Amino acid sequence: MPVTLHVWRVPPRRAGAALLRLAFARRRPPGVRFAKFLGTGTGTSFGPGDADLTRYAALTVSDEPVSFPGWDRLAAASARLDLEPLASRGSWSGRDPFRAEVPKNREKGMVLALTRARLRPTRALTFWRAIPPVARELAAAPGLLARFGIGEAPIGWQGTVSVWRDAADLTAFAYRQPEHRAVIARTPGDRWYAEELFARFAVRGISGDRSVLGWTGKVAGGEVGRV
């Protein structure tokens, strides 16, 4: 089933309307098996101070591609990523919505990494203190094309989206960068998460304005609308 990430940039004057739409975005369109409507952040830190009130996102798993005309009317710019699951571990709202059915030998081209966690309230402060060095490391990572934070709530329900030139660059960051490795090593003992999910997707297509994604890189062969 198609997995799609929609991202919208709204004018500052419409930020209030976008927040209201996000707060009441509970109904799934017909044919949608899983949907999350998300606020976003810069990805440089976590918590309310990182929030970007002019950018919003929706992640869907559906029988057919879906559209969100209400969000499109609010937006000044938007982007859409068509994704195919490669790997998924953990749960989101008690479900594993991304079933990976792609053989490993098809992991070529751009990939998207999604992390999502519900923090334990008593552990949130130590988590937030541990993240800034990892965020700086991520910003300088070779092969990173775009990144931003996501959240279902201002505090405690949060994650990241990052787009990479290829799977090798993502793997190099995840397992070879010292600050990120240190946080991974601390996770079991510090018990930051009440629920967590890590997923990786092949990027099968990108349409719209890539600047909405915080795009900073180029893929081999130049900028293309489809992957």
Protein backbone atom coordinates (compact mmCIF):
# COMPACT_ATOMS: atom_id res chain seq x y z
CA MET A 1 0.00 0.00 0.00
CA PRO A 2 1.29 3.47 -0.83
CA VAL A 3 2.95 5.44 1.95
CA THR A 4 2.89 9.18 1.37
CA LEU A 5 4.34 12.12 3.23
CA HIS A 6 2.62 15.44 2.52
CA VAL A 7 4.28 18.65 3.75
CA TRP A 8 2.76 22.14 3.59
CA ARG A 9 4.18 25.61 4.16
CA VAL A 10 1.51 28.11 5.20
CA PRO A 11 1.83 31.91 5.31
CA PRO A 12 2.36 33.27 8.85
CA ARG A 13 -1.04 34.99 8.74
CA ARG A 14 -2.66 31.56 8.31
CA ALA A 15 -0.73 29.82 11.08
CA GLY A 16 -3.70 30.06 13.46
CA ALA A 17 -6.03 28.44 10.94
CA ALA A 18 -3.46 25.68 10.34
CA LEU A 19 -3.16 24.99 14.07
CA LEU A 20 -6.94 24.65 14.35
CA ARG A 21 -7.03 22.31 11.39
CA LEU A 22 -4.24 20.24 12.94
CA ALA A 23 -6.04 20.09 16.29
CA PHE A 24 -9.23 18.73 14.72
CA ALA A 25 -7.65 16.54 12.01
CA ARG A 26 -8.97 13.24 13.30
CA ARG A 27 -11.05 11.87 10.42
CA ARG A 28 -9.25 9.61 7.97
CA PRO A 29 -10.21 9.89 4.30
CA PRO A 30 -11.79 6.78 2.70
CA GLY A 31 -9.24 4.07 1.87
CA VAL A 32 -6.64 5.37 4.34
CA ARG A 33 -5.40 2.61 6.64
CA PHE A 34 -3.17 4.82 8.81
CA ALA A 35 -2.83 8.59 9.06
CA LYS A 36 -0.99 11.02 11.29
CA PHE A 37 -1.28 14.80 11.03
CA LEU A 38 1.82 16.45 12.39
CA GLY A 39 3.30 19.73 13.41
CA THR A 40 6.94 20.26 12.53
CA GLY A 41 10.12 21.78 13.89
CA THR A 42 13.51 22.75 12.57
CA GLY A 43 15.07 19.54 13.84
CA THR A 44 17.84 21.40 15.69
CA SER A 45 16.32 20.59 19.09
CA PHE A 46 13.07 19.27 20.55
CA GLY A 47 10.20 20.70 22.52
CA PRO A 48 8.10 23.86 22.02
CA GLY A 49 11.11 26.05 21.25
CA ASP A 50 11.83 24.12 18.06
CA ALA A 51 8.31 24.39 16.63
CA ASP A 52 7.79 25.76 13.12
CA LEU A 53 4.26 27.20 13.09
CA THR A 54 4.29 27.65 9.32
CA ARG A 55 4.93 24.02 8.31
CA TYR A 56 2.68 20.97 8.75
CA ALA A 57 2.70 17.39 7.53
CA ALA A 58 0.55 14.32 7.06
CA LEU A 59 1.81 10.75 6.81
CA THR A 60 -0.60 8.24 5.29
CA VAL A 61 -0.80 4.56 4.40
CA SER A 62 -3.62 4.05 1.93
CA ASP A 63 -5.09 1.80 -0.74
CA GLU A 64 -4.77 4.65 -3.25
CA PRO A 65 -2.99 8.01 -3.21
CA VAL A 66 -4.94 10.62 -1.24
CA SER A 67 -5.12 14.40 -1.35
CA PHE A 68 -5.93 17.04 1.25
CA PRO A 69 -7.55 19.97 -0.54
CA GLY A 70 -8.19 21.86 2.69
CA TRP A 71 -4.51 21.92 3.52
CA ASP A 72 -3.65 22.73 -0.08
CA ARG A 73 -5.87 25.80 0.06
CA LEU A 74 -4.14 27.03 3.22
CA ALA A 75 -0.63 26.43 1.91
CA ALA A 76 1.65 28.79 0.04
CA ALA A 77 3.83 25.84 -1.02
CA SER A 78 3.81 22.07 -0.59
CA ALA A 79 5.74 18.91 -1.32
CA ARG A 80 4.82 15.24 -1.53
CA LEU A 81 7.04 12.19 -1.13
CA ASP A 82 5.93 8.78 -2.36
CA LEU A 83 7.56 6.11 -0.21
CA GLU A 84 8.07 2.36 -0.15
CA PRO A 85 8.88 0.72 3.20
CA LEU A 86 12.27 -0.97 3.48
CA ALA A 87 12.40 -1.64 7.23
CA SER A 88 10.31 -0.83 10.30
CA ARG A 89 10.81 -1.54 13.97
CA GLY A 90 8.58 -0.58 16.87
CA SER A 91 5.04 0.77 17.03
CA TRP A 92 3.03 3.95 16.57
CA SER A 93 -0.19 4.24 18.57
CA GLY A 94 0.08 0.53 19.23
CA ARG A 95 0.46 -0.43 15.56
CA ASP A 96 3.22 -1.22 13.11
CA PRO A 97 1.77 0.56 10.07
CA PHE A 98 4.71 0.07 7.68
CA ARG A 99 5.19 -3.45 6.38
CA ALA A 100 8.47 -3.77 4.53
CA GLU A 101 8.16 -6.07 1.52
CA VAL A 102 11.08 -4.80 -0.56
CA PRO A 103 14.08 -7.13 -1.06
CA LYS A 104 17.29 -5.74 0.37
CA ASN A 105 18.99 -5.68 -3.04
CA ARG A 106 16.55 -2.94 -4.13
CA GLU A 107 17.90 -0.42 -1.62
CA LYS A 108 19.27 1.99 -4.23
CA GLY A 109 18.73 5.71 -4.57
CA MET A 110 17.33 8.16 -2.05
CA VAL A 111 16.01 6.91 1.27
CA LEU A 112 13.94 8.54 4.00
CA ALA A 113 14.40 7.78 7.68
CA LEU A 114 11.54 8.30 10.12
CA THR A 115 11.96 8.25 13.90
CA ARG A 116 9.03 8.69 16.24
CA ALA A 117 8.78 8.38 20.01
CA ARG A 118 6.45 9.05 22.91
CA LEU A 119 8.65 10.19 25.76
CA ARG A 120 8.18 9.15 29.35
CA PRO A 121 7.40 12.42 31.20
CA THR A 122 9.94 11.69 33.92
CA ARG A 123 12.68 11.10 31.32
CA ALA A 124 11.97 13.94 28.90
CA LEU A 125 14.45 16.44 30.38
CA THR A 126 17.42 14.08 30.15
CA PHE A 127 16.44 13.21 26.57
CA TRP A 128 16.27 16.87 25.51
CA ARG A 129 19.69 17.49 27.05
CA ALA A 130 21.19 14.58 25.10
CA ILE A 131 19.82 15.60 21.68
CA PRO A 132 21.58 18.88 20.67
CA PRO A 133 24.98 17.25 19.93
CA VAL A 134 23.23 14.63 17.78
CA ALA A 135 21.31 17.34 15.91
CA ARG A 136 24.56 19.18 15.13
CA GLU A 137 26.14 15.93 13.98
CA LEU A 138 23.15 15.21 11.74
CA ALA A 139 23.27 18.67 10.13
CA ALA A 140 26.85 18.06 9.00
CA ALA A 141 26.41 14.42 7.96
CA PRO A 142 27.56 13.53 4.42
CA GLY A 143 24.70 12.60 2.12
CA LEU A 144 21.96 14.40 4.09
CA LEU A 145 19.52 16.09 1.68
CA ALA A 146 16.79 17.34 4.02
CA ARG A 147 15.66 17.04 7.63
CA PHE A 148 13.02 18.40 9.99
CA GLY A 149 11.31 17.53 13.23
CA ILE A 150 7.76 16.20 13.54
CA GLY A 151 5.37 16.08 16.47
CA GLU A 152 1.84 15.03 17.37
CA ALA A 153 1.97 17.36 20.37
CA PRO A 154 4.27 20.22 21.43
CA ILE A 155 5.88 18.15 24.18
CA GLY A 156 6.70 14.46 24.41
CA TRP A 157 5.26 13.11 21.14
CA GLN A 158 7.95 13.78 18.60
CA GLY A 159 10.33 12.51 15.97
CA THR A 160 12.39 13.33 12.91
CA VAL A 161 12.25 12.99 9.15
CA SER A 162 15.50 12.91 7.20
CA VAL A 163 16.16 12.30 3.50
CA TRP A 164 19.47 10.80 2.40
CA ARG A 165 21.30 10.42 -0.89
CA ASP A 166 21.41 6.66 -0.37
CA ALA A 167 21.19 3.96 2.27
CA ALA A 168 24.96 3.87 2.77
CA ASP A 169 25.00 7.51 3.92
CA LEU A 170 22.14 6.88 6.34
CA THR A 171 23.87 3.81 7.76
CA ALA A 172 27.14 5.70 8.15
CA PHE A 173 25.42 8.37 10.22
CA ALA A 174 23.36 5.96 12.29
CA TYR A 175 26.20 3.66 13.32
CA ARG A 176 29.47 5.54 12.91
CA GLN A 177 28.87 9.06 14.18
CA PRO A 178 30.01 9.14 17.85
CA GLU A 179 27.25 11.33 19.35
CA HIS A 180 24.49 9.32 17.69
CA ARG A 181 26.07 6.04 18.74
CA ALA A 182 26.33 7.31 22.31
CA VAL A 183 22.61 8.15 22.41
CA ILE A 184 21.73 4.71 20.99
CA ALA A 185 23.85 3.10 23.71
CA ARG A 186 22.12 5.13 26.44
CA THR A 187 18.56 4.40 25.27
CA PRO A 188 17.96 1.00 26.98
CA GLY A 189 19.31 2.16 30.33
CA ASP A 190 17.75 5.62 30.37
CA ARG A 191 14.34 4.30 29.21
CA TRP A 192 13.40 7.56 27.49
CA TYR A 193 10.57 6.12 25.40
CA ALA A 194 7.17 4.78 26.34
CA GLU A 195 6.72 3.90 22.66
CA GLU A 196 9.08 4.20 19.70
CA LEU A 197 9.25 3.49 15.99
CA PHE A 198 12.12 3.62 13.50
CA ALA A 199 11.38 3.15 9.82
CA ARG A 200 13.28 3.46 6.56
CA PHE A 201 11.74 4.01 3.13
CA ALA A 202 12.84 4.11 -0.46
CA VAL A 203 11.89 7.47 -1.98
CA ARG A 204 10.01 6.61 -5.18
CA GLY A 205 8.97 10.14 -6.06
CA ILE A 206 9.12 13.76 -4.94
CA SER A 207 6.79 16.42 -6.30
CA GLY A 208 6.22 20.05 -5.41
CA ASP A 209 8.56 22.55 -3.77
CA ARG A 210 11.51 20.83 -2.12
CA SER A 211 12.36 23.93 -0.10
CA VAL A 212 9.34 23.04 2.07
CA LEU A 213 11.36 20.02 3.20
CA GLY A 214 14.39 22.12 4.10
CA TRP A 215 16.17 20.72 1.06
CA THR A 216 19.92 21.33 1.11
CA GLY A 217 21.42 18.73 -1.21
CA LYS A 218 21.47 17.38 -4.73
CA VAL A 219 21.17 13.80 -5.91
CA ALA A 220 23.37 12.29 -8.57
CA GLY A 221 22.36 13.58 -11.98
CA GLY A 222 20.90 16.84 -10.64
CA GLU A 223 17.50 17.83 -9.31
CA VAL A 224 14.64 15.76 -10.70
CA GLY A 225 10.93 15.72 -9.98
CA ARG A 226 10.71 11.93 -9.92
CA VAL A 227 13.20 9.52 -8.40
